[in-house]
Amino acid sequence: MKRRISISSDNNFLINKAEVNKLFFDLENNLKFHFSRIEVSFVNDDTILKINSEYLNHDWFTDIITFDYSQGSLIDCELIISYDTAISNAKKYNVGINDELIRLLIHGILHVTGYDDKLTSEKIKMKKKENTLVQIYSDKYWILGNDSKSC
């Protein structure tokens, strides 16, 4: 089975691709899913606002947008993360930017593996799982990067 993880970032926001890849493989084992493709784009607030408006008819900034293209049991998805909002949220919630980025990557994967956050009961269940996974992985992976495999 051919599998692909693609990671891009605009504006010189450095992301350690190798660490993101390892995180996704760990999440795959932990959450018992299989993927064919995961595409992650780190963008600024203006870009995510445009995408949010164009594709979801939402006229506001957000931290992550998840597009699920999966067919059958293989996950095929696109995660678009605003690094501007991630930085703001890290400051707002008094957490490190690495923890916030890991939280957003986990949040996106939870969406494509059956979790939702539209109803309060769903949101509570998803947030609990998200918090558990962030605790497991935040000290294990350093998402911000400046190695040769960073973007």
N, C-alpha and C. Protein backbone atom coordinates (compact mmCIF):
# COMPACT_ATOMS: atom_id res chain seq x y z
N MET A 1 0.84 -1.18 0.00
CA MET A 1 0.00 0.00 0.00
C MET A 1 0.89 1.24 0.00
N LYS A 2 0.68 2.10 -0.97
CA LYS A 2 1.44 3.34 -1.06
C LYS A 2 0.81 4.37 -0.13
N ARG A 3 1.66 5.00 0.71
CA ARG A 3 1.18 6.00 1.65
C ARG A 3 2.03 7.24 1.52
N ARG A 4 1.39 8.38 1.72
CA ARG A 4 2.12 9.63 1.55
C ARG A 4 1.72 10.65 2.61
N ILE A 5 2.72 11.28 3.19
CA ILE A 5 2.51 12.43 4.07
C ILE A 5 3.21 13.60 3.40
N SER A 6 2.46 14.66 3.18
CA SER A 6 2.99 15.85 2.54
C SER A 6 2.82 17.03 3.49
N ILE A 7 3.89 17.78 3.71
CA ILE A 7 3.86 18.90 4.66
C ILE A 7 4.44 20.12 3.98
N SER A 8 3.70 21.22 4.04
CA SER A 8 4.20 22.47 3.46
C SER A 8 3.93 23.62 4.42
N SER A 9 4.71 24.66 4.27
CA SER A 9 4.56 25.84 5.11
C SER A 9 4.93 27.08 4.32
N ASP A 10 4.12 28.11 4.48
CA ASP A 10 4.47 29.37 3.83
C ASP A 10 5.18 30.29 4.82
N ASN A 11 5.75 31.35 4.33
CA ASN A 11 6.32 32.41 5.16
C ASN A 11 7.43 31.96 6.10
N ASN A 12 8.21 30.97 5.70
CA ASN A 12 9.36 30.53 6.50
C ASN A 12 9.02 30.06 7.90
N PHE A 13 7.79 29.59 8.12
CA PHE A 13 7.42 28.99 9.39
C PHE A 13 7.98 27.57 9.37
N LEU A 14 9.05 27.33 10.12
CA LEU A 14 9.78 26.06 10.02
C LEU A 14 9.09 24.93 10.78
N ILE A 15 8.83 23.87 10.07
CA ILE A 15 8.19 22.68 10.62
C ILE A 15 9.12 21.50 10.38
N ASN A 16 9.33 20.70 11.40
CA ASN A 16 10.17 19.51 11.29
C ASN A 16 9.33 18.38 10.70
N LYS A 17 9.50 18.15 9.41
CA LYS A 17 8.69 17.14 8.71
C LYS A 17 8.88 15.74 9.29
N ALA A 18 10.10 15.41 9.64
CA ALA A 18 10.37 14.07 10.18
C ALA A 18 9.59 13.83 11.47
N GLU A 19 9.53 14.84 12.32
CA GLU A 19 8.79 14.70 13.58
C GLU A 19 7.28 14.59 13.33
N VAL A 20 6.77 15.37 12.38
CA VAL A 20 5.35 15.29 12.05
C VAL A 20 5.03 13.90 11.50
N ASN A 21 5.88 13.39 10.63
CA ASN A 21 5.69 12.03 10.10
C ASN A 21 5.63 11.00 11.22
N LYS A 22 6.58 11.07 12.15
CA LYS A 22 6.60 10.11 13.27
C LYS A 22 5.34 10.24 14.12
N LEU A 23 4.90 11.47 14.34
CA LEU A 23 3.67 11.68 15.11
C LEU A 23 2.49 11.00 14.42
N PHE A 24 2.36 11.17 13.11
CA PHE A 24 1.24 10.54 12.40
C PHE A 24 1.30 9.02 12.46
N PHE A 25 2.48 8.44 12.36
CA PHE A 25 2.59 6.99 12.47
C PHE A 25 2.25 6.51 13.88
N ASP A 26 2.65 7.26 14.89
CA ASP A 26 2.27 6.93 16.27
C ASP A 26 0.76 7.04 16.46
N LEU A 27 0.16 8.09 15.92
CA LEU A 27 -1.30 8.25 16.01
C LEU A 27 -2.01 7.12 15.29
N GLU A 28 -1.47 6.71 14.15
CA GLU A 28 -2.05 5.60 13.40
C GLU A 28 -2.09 4.34 14.27
N ASN A 29 -1.01 4.05 14.97
CA ASN A 29 -0.98 2.88 15.85
C ASN A 29 -1.89 3.05 17.05
N ASN A 30 -1.88 4.23 17.66
CA ASN A 30 -2.68 4.48 18.85
C ASN A 30 -4.17 4.45 18.56
N LEU A 31 -4.59 5.09 17.47
CA LEU A 31 -6.01 5.22 17.15
C LEU A 31 -6.52 4.10 16.24
N LYS A 32 -5.63 3.21 15.83
CA LYS A 32 -6.00 2.05 15.00
C LYS A 32 -6.66 2.44 13.68
N PHE A 33 -6.01 3.33 12.94
CA PHE A 33 -6.49 3.68 11.61
C PHE A 33 -5.35 3.47 10.62
N HIS A 34 -5.67 3.50 9.34
CA HIS A 34 -4.67 3.40 8.28
C HIS A 34 -4.90 4.55 7.32
N PHE A 35 -3.83 5.08 6.78
CA PHE A 35 -3.98 6.21 5.86
C PHE A 35 -3.30 5.94 4.53
N SER A 36 -3.85 6.57 3.51
CA SER A 36 -3.19 6.56 2.20
C SER A 36 -2.48 7.89 1.98
N ARG A 37 -3.10 8.98 2.47
CA ARG A 37 -2.50 10.30 2.27
C ARG A 37 -2.93 11.24 3.39
N ILE A 38 -1.96 11.95 3.92
CA ILE A 38 -2.21 13.05 4.85
C ILE A 38 -1.42 14.24 4.33
N GLU A 39 -2.12 15.31 4.03
CA GLU A 39 -1.48 16.52 3.54
C GLU A 39 -1.68 17.61 4.59
N VAL A 40 -0.60 18.26 5.00
CA VAL A 40 -0.67 19.32 6.00
C VAL A 40 -0.08 20.59 5.41
N SER A 41 -0.84 21.67 5.53
CA SER A 41 -0.36 22.99 5.09
C SER A 41 -0.42 23.95 6.26
N PHE A 42 0.70 24.57 6.56
CA PHE A 42 0.76 25.61 7.58
C PHE A 42 0.69 26.94 6.85
N VAL A 43 -0.35 27.72 7.16
CA VAL A 43 -0.62 28.96 6.44
C VAL A 43 -0.83 30.11 7.41
N ASN A 44 -0.93 31.32 6.89
CA ASN A 44 -1.19 32.47 7.76
C ASN A 44 -2.70 32.68 7.93
N ASP A 45 -3.07 33.63 8.77
CA ASP A 45 -4.49 33.88 9.05
C ASP A 45 -5.26 34.32 7.81
N ASP A 46 -4.67 35.14 6.97
CA ASP A 46 -5.37 35.59 5.76
C ASP A 46 -5.73 34.41 4.87
N THR A 47 -4.82 33.47 4.73
CA THR A 47 -5.07 32.31 3.88
C THR A 47 -6.15 31.41 4.47
N ILE A 48 -6.09 31.16 5.77
CA ILE A 48 -7.09 30.26 6.35
C ILE A 48 -8.47 30.92 6.36
N LEU A 49 -8.52 32.25 6.51
CA LEU A 49 -9.80 32.97 6.44
C LEU A 49 -10.41 32.82 5.04
N LYS A 50 -9.58 32.95 4.02
CA LYS A 50 -10.05 32.80 2.64
C LYS A 50 -10.59 31.39 2.40
N ILE A 51 -9.87 30.37 2.86
CA ILE A 51 -10.30 28.98 2.70
C ILE A 51 -11.58 28.73 3.50
N ASN A 52 -11.63 29.23 4.72
CA ASN A 52 -12.81 29.06 5.57
C ASN A 52 -14.04 29.68 4.92
N SER A 53 -13.87 30.84 4.33
CA SER A 53 -14.97 31.53 3.66
C SER A 53 -15.38 30.82 2.37
N GLU A 54 -14.39 30.48 1.56
CA GLU A 54 -14.66 29.89 0.25
C GLU A 54 -15.28 28.50 0.32
N TYR A 55 -14.76 27.65 1.20
CA TYR A 55 -15.20 26.26 1.23
C TYR A 55 -16.23 25.95 2.31
N LEU A 56 -16.25 26.71 3.38
CA LEU A 56 -17.16 26.41 4.49
C LEU A 56 -18.17 27.53 4.75
N ASN A 57 -18.09 28.61 3.99
CA ASN A 57 -18.97 29.77 4.18
C ASN A 57 -18.91 30.33 5.60
N HIS A 58 -17.74 30.27 6.21
CA HIS A 58 -17.51 30.84 7.54
C HIS A 58 -16.64 32.08 7.37
N ASP A 59 -17.09 33.19 7.90
CA ASP A 59 -16.34 34.44 7.75
C ASP A 59 -15.59 34.76 9.04
N TRP A 60 -14.72 33.83 9.46
CA TRP A 60 -13.92 34.06 10.65
C TRP A 60 -12.62 33.26 10.58
N PHE A 61 -11.68 33.70 11.39
CA PHE A 61 -10.41 32.99 11.51
C PHE A 61 -10.63 31.70 12.28
N THR A 62 -9.80 30.72 12.02
CA THR A 62 -9.85 29.47 12.76
C THR A 62 -8.43 28.92 12.84
N ASP A 63 -8.22 27.97 13.74
CA ASP A 63 -6.88 27.41 13.89
C ASP A 63 -6.61 26.27 12.92
N ILE A 64 -7.64 25.48 12.61
CA ILE A 64 -7.46 24.34 11.71
C ILE A 64 -8.73 24.08 10.91
N ILE A 65 -8.53 23.70 9.67
CA ILE A 65 -9.61 23.22 8.81
C ILE A 65 -9.19 21.83 8.35
N THR A 66 -10.12 20.89 8.45
CA THR A 66 -9.84 19.51 8.05
C THR A 66 -10.75 19.14 6.89
N PHE A 67 -10.16 18.67 5.81
CA PHE A 67 -10.91 18.14 4.68
C PHE A 67 -10.68 16.64 4.65
N ASP A 68 -11.77 15.89 4.66
CA ASP A 68 -11.70 14.43 4.67
C ASP A 68 -12.12 13.91 3.30
N TYR A 69 -11.19 13.32 2.58
CA TYR A 69 -11.46 12.77 1.25
C TYR A 69 -11.49 11.24 1.29
N SER A 70 -11.56 10.68 2.46
CA SER A 70 -11.46 9.23 2.63
C SER A 70 -12.59 8.51 1.91
N GLN A 71 -12.22 7.36 1.36
CA GLN A 71 -13.19 6.44 0.78
C GLN A 71 -12.85 5.07 1.31
N GLY A 72 -13.80 4.45 1.94
CA GLY A 72 -13.53 3.16 2.55
C GLY A 72 -12.77 3.34 3.85
N SER A 73 -11.89 2.40 4.14
CA SER A 73 -11.24 2.40 5.45
C SER A 73 -9.92 3.17 5.50
N LEU A 74 -9.40 3.60 4.35
CA LEU A 74 -8.13 4.33 4.34
C LEU A 74 -8.37 5.83 4.48
N ILE A 75 -7.65 6.45 5.40
CA ILE A 75 -7.75 7.89 5.62
C ILE A 75 -7.02 8.63 4.50
N ASP A 76 -7.70 9.60 3.92
CA ASP A 76 -7.13 10.50 2.92
C ASP A 76 -7.63 11.89 3.30
N CYS A 77 -6.72 12.73 3.79
CA CYS A 77 -7.19 14.00 4.34
C CYS A 77 -6.20 15.13 4.11
N GLU A 78 -6.72 16.33 4.30
CA GLU A 78 -5.92 17.54 4.22
C GLU A 78 -6.17 18.35 5.49
N LEU A 79 -5.10 18.73 6.16
CA LEU A 79 -5.19 19.56 7.36
C LEU A 79 -4.55 20.90 7.03
N ILE A 80 -5.30 21.97 7.24
CA ILE A 80 -4.78 23.31 7.00
C ILE A 80 -4.75 24.02 8.34
N ILE A 81 -3.56 24.41 8.76
CA ILE A 81 -3.35 24.98 10.10
C ILE A 81 -2.84 26.40 9.97
N SER A 82 -3.49 27.31 10.71
CA SER A 82 -3.01 28.69 10.75
C SER A 82 -1.95 28.80 11.84
N TYR A 83 -0.71 29.07 11.43
CA TYR A 83 0.33 29.25 12.43
C TYR A 83 0.13 30.55 13.19
N ASP A 84 -0.49 31.57 12.57
CA ASP A 84 -0.78 32.82 13.30
C ASP A 84 -1.72 32.54 14.47
N THR A 85 -2.80 31.82 14.19
CA THR A 85 -3.77 31.51 15.25
C THR A 85 -3.17 30.53 16.25
N ALA A 86 -2.35 29.60 15.80
CA ALA A 86 -1.69 28.67 16.73
C ALA A 86 -0.82 29.44 17.72
N ILE A 87 -0.06 30.42 17.22
CA ILE A 87 0.78 31.23 18.10
C ILE A 87 -0.07 32.03 19.08
N SER A 88 -1.16 32.63 18.58
CA SER A 88 -2.07 33.39 19.45
C SER A 88 -2.70 32.51 20.52
N ASN A 89 -3.15 31.31 20.11
CA ASN A 89 -3.78 30.40 21.06
C ASN A 89 -2.79 29.89 22.11
N ALA A 90 -1.55 29.65 21.69
CA ALA A 90 -0.53 29.21 22.65
C ALA A 90 -0.35 30.27 23.74
N LYS A 91 -0.31 31.53 23.33
CA LYS A 91 -0.19 32.62 24.31
C LYS A 91 -1.44 32.72 25.16
N LYS A 92 -2.60 32.66 24.52
CA LYS A 92 -3.89 32.79 25.22
C LYS A 92 -4.07 31.71 26.28
N TYR A 93 -3.71 30.47 25.95
CA TYR A 93 -3.91 29.34 26.87
C TYR A 93 -2.66 29.00 27.66
N ASN A 94 -1.62 29.83 27.52
CA ASN A 94 -0.39 29.67 28.29
C ASN A 94 0.25 28.29 28.11
N VAL A 95 0.35 27.88 26.84
CA VAL A 95 1.03 26.63 26.50
C VAL A 95 2.11 26.95 25.47
N GLY A 96 3.04 26.06 25.32
CA GLY A 96 4.09 26.25 24.33
C GLY A 96 3.55 26.07 22.92
N ILE A 97 4.18 26.71 21.96
CA ILE A 97 3.73 26.59 20.57
C ILE A 97 3.86 25.15 20.08
N ASN A 98 4.85 24.41 20.53
CA ASN A 98 4.98 23.01 20.13
C ASN A 98 3.76 22.21 20.59
N ASP A 99 3.34 22.40 21.84
CA ASP A 99 2.16 21.70 22.35
C ASP A 99 0.92 22.08 21.54
N GLU A 100 0.80 23.35 21.20
CA GLU A 100 -0.36 23.81 20.44
C GLU A 100 -0.38 23.21 19.03
N LEU A 101 0.77 23.14 18.39
CA LEU A 101 0.83 22.54 17.05
C LEU A 101 0.52 21.05 17.11
N ILE A 102 1.02 20.36 18.11
CA ILE A 102 0.70 18.94 18.28
C ILE A 102 -0.80 18.77 18.52
N ARG A 103 -1.38 19.65 19.33
CA ARG A 103 -2.82 19.59 19.59
C ARG A 103 -3.60 19.74 18.29
N LEU A 104 -3.20 20.68 17.44
CA LEU A 104 -3.92 20.90 16.19
C LEU A 104 -3.78 19.72 15.23
N LEU A 105 -2.60 19.14 15.13
CA LEU A 105 -2.41 17.96 14.29
C LEU A 105 -3.27 16.80 14.79
N ILE A 106 -3.29 16.60 16.09
CA ILE A 106 -4.13 15.55 16.69
C ILE A 106 -5.60 15.85 16.44
N HIS A 107 -6.01 17.09 16.63
CA HIS A 107 -7.40 17.49 16.43
C HIS A 107 -7.86 17.14 15.01
N GLY A 108 -7.04 17.46 14.03
CA GLY A 108 -7.39 17.15 12.65
C GLY A 108 -7.52 15.66 12.41
N ILE A 109 -6.60 14.88 12.95
CA ILE A 109 -6.66 13.42 12.79
C ILE A 109 -7.88 12.85 13.50
N LEU A 110 -8.21 13.38 14.67
CA LEU A 110 -9.41 12.89 15.36
C LEU A 110 -10.66 13.12 14.51
N HIS A 111 -10.73 14.25 13.81
CA HIS A 111 -11.89 14.50 12.95
C HIS A 111 -12.04 13.45 11.87
N VAL A 112 -10.94 13.00 11.28
CA VAL A 112 -11.05 12.04 10.18
C VAL A 112 -11.10 10.59 10.66
N THR A 113 -11.01 10.40 11.97
CA THR A 113 -11.12 9.04 12.53
C THR A 113 -12.40 8.87 13.34
N GLY A 114 -13.38 9.75 13.11
CA GLY A 114 -14.70 9.54 13.69
C GLY A 114 -15.10 10.46 14.82
N TYR A 115 -14.23 11.32 15.27
CA TYR A 115 -14.58 12.25 16.34
C TYR A 115 -15.16 13.53 15.73
N ASP A 116 -16.08 14.15 16.48
CA ASP A 116 -16.68 15.41 16.03
C ASP A 116 -16.81 16.34 17.21
N ASP A 117 -17.01 17.61 16.92
CA ASP A 117 -17.13 18.59 18.01
C ASP A 117 -18.27 19.57 17.78
N LYS A 118 -19.30 19.12 17.06
CA LYS A 118 -20.45 19.99 16.81
C LYS A 118 -21.38 20.04 18.02
N LEU A 119 -21.71 18.91 18.58
CA LEU A 119 -22.56 18.85 19.77
C LEU A 119 -21.70 18.89 21.02
N THR A 120 -22.26 19.41 22.10
CA THR A 120 -21.50 19.52 23.36
C THR A 120 -20.98 18.17 23.82
N SER A 121 -21.82 17.13 23.75
CA SER A 121 -21.40 15.80 24.20
C SER A 121 -20.24 15.27 23.35
N GLU A 122 -20.30 15.51 22.04
CA GLU A 122 -19.22 15.09 21.14
C GLU A 122 -17.94 15.87 21.43
N LYS A 123 -18.12 17.17 21.67
CA LYS A 123 -16.98 18.04 21.93
C LYS A 123 -16.24 17.61 23.19
N ILE A 124 -16.98 17.24 24.23
CA ILE A 124 -16.38 16.78 25.49
C ILE A 124 -15.57 15.51 25.25
N LYS A 125 -16.16 14.56 24.53
CA LYS A 125 -15.48 13.29 24.24
C LYS A 125 -14.21 13.53 23.41
N MET A 126 -14.33 14.38 22.40
CA MET A 126 -13.19 14.66 21.53
C MET A 126 -12.09 15.39 22.29
N LYS A 127 -12.46 16.37 23.10
CA LYS A 127 -11.47 17.15 23.86
C LYS A 127 -10.73 16.26 24.85
N LYS A 128 -11.44 15.32 25.46
CA LYS A 128 -10.81 14.40 26.41
C LYS A 128 -9.75 13.55 25.70
N LYS A 129 -10.11 13.01 24.54
CA LYS A 129 -9.17 12.20 23.77
C LYS A 129 -7.99 13.05 23.30
N GLU A 130 -8.29 14.24 22.82
CA GLU A 130 -7.25 15.18 22.37
C GLU A 130 -6.26 15.48 23.49
N ASN A 131 -6.77 15.80 24.67
CA ASN A 131 -5.90 16.12 25.81
C ASN A 131 -5.02 14.93 26.20
N THR A 132 -5.60 13.74 26.17
CA THR A 132 -4.84 12.52 26.49
C THR A 132 -3.69 12.34 25.50
N LEU A 133 -3.98 12.50 24.22
CA LEU A 133 -2.95 12.32 23.19
C LEU A 133 -1.89 13.41 23.24
N VAL A 134 -2.30 14.64 23.52
CA VAL A 134 -1.31 15.73 23.65
C VAL A 134 -0.36 15.42 24.79
N GLN A 135 -0.88 14.91 25.90
CA GLN A 135 -0.01 14.54 27.03
C GLN A 135 0.99 13.46 26.63
N ILE A 136 0.55 12.51 25.84
CA ILE A 136 1.43 11.42 25.41
C ILE A 136 2.53 11.93 24.49
N TYR A 137 2.18 12.80 23.54
CA TYR A 137 3.09 13.13 22.45
C TYR A 137 3.81 14.47 22.56
N SER A 138 3.37 15.36 23.43
CA SER A 138 3.98 16.70 23.45
C SER A 138 5.45 16.69 23.87
N ASP A 139 5.84 15.77 24.72
CA ASP A 139 7.25 15.69 25.11
C ASP A 139 8.06 14.78 24.19
N LYS A 140 7.37 14.02 23.37
CA LYS A 140 8.04 13.05 22.50
C LYS A 140 8.49 13.67 21.17
N TYR A 141 7.74 14.65 20.69
CA TYR A 141 8.02 15.22 19.37
C TYR A 141 8.20 16.73 19.44
N TRP A 142 9.15 17.23 18.67
CA TRP A 142 9.38 18.67 18.55
C TRP A 142 9.04 19.05 17.11
N ILE A 143 7.88 19.67 16.94
CA ILE A 143 7.32 19.95 15.63
C ILE A 143 8.01 21.13 14.94
N LEU A 144 8.36 22.14 15.74
CA LEU A 144 9.09 23.27 15.15
C LEU A 144 10.47 22.80 14.77
N GLY A 145 10.94 23.17 13.59
CA GLY A 145 12.20 22.60 13.18
C GLY A 145 13.08 23.51 12.37
N ASN A 146 14.34 23.17 12.38
CA ASN A 146 15.29 23.86 11.52
C ASN A 146 16.33 22.88 11.00
N ASP A 147 15.92 21.62 10.87
CA ASP A 147 16.85 20.63 10.31
C ASP A 147 16.71 20.61 8.78
N SER A 148 17.42 19.74 8.14
CA SER A 148 17.43 19.69 6.68
C SER A 148 16.11 19.21 6.09
N LYS A 149 15.27 18.61 6.91
CA LYS A 149 13.99 18.12 6.42
C LYS A 149 12.84 19.05 6.80
N SER A 150 13.16 20.25 7.21
CA SER A 150 12.13 21.21 7.58
C SER A 150 11.63 21.94 6.35
N CYS A 151 10.44 22.45 6.49
CA CYS A 151 9.90 23.28 5.40
C CYS A 151 9.61 24.67 5.93
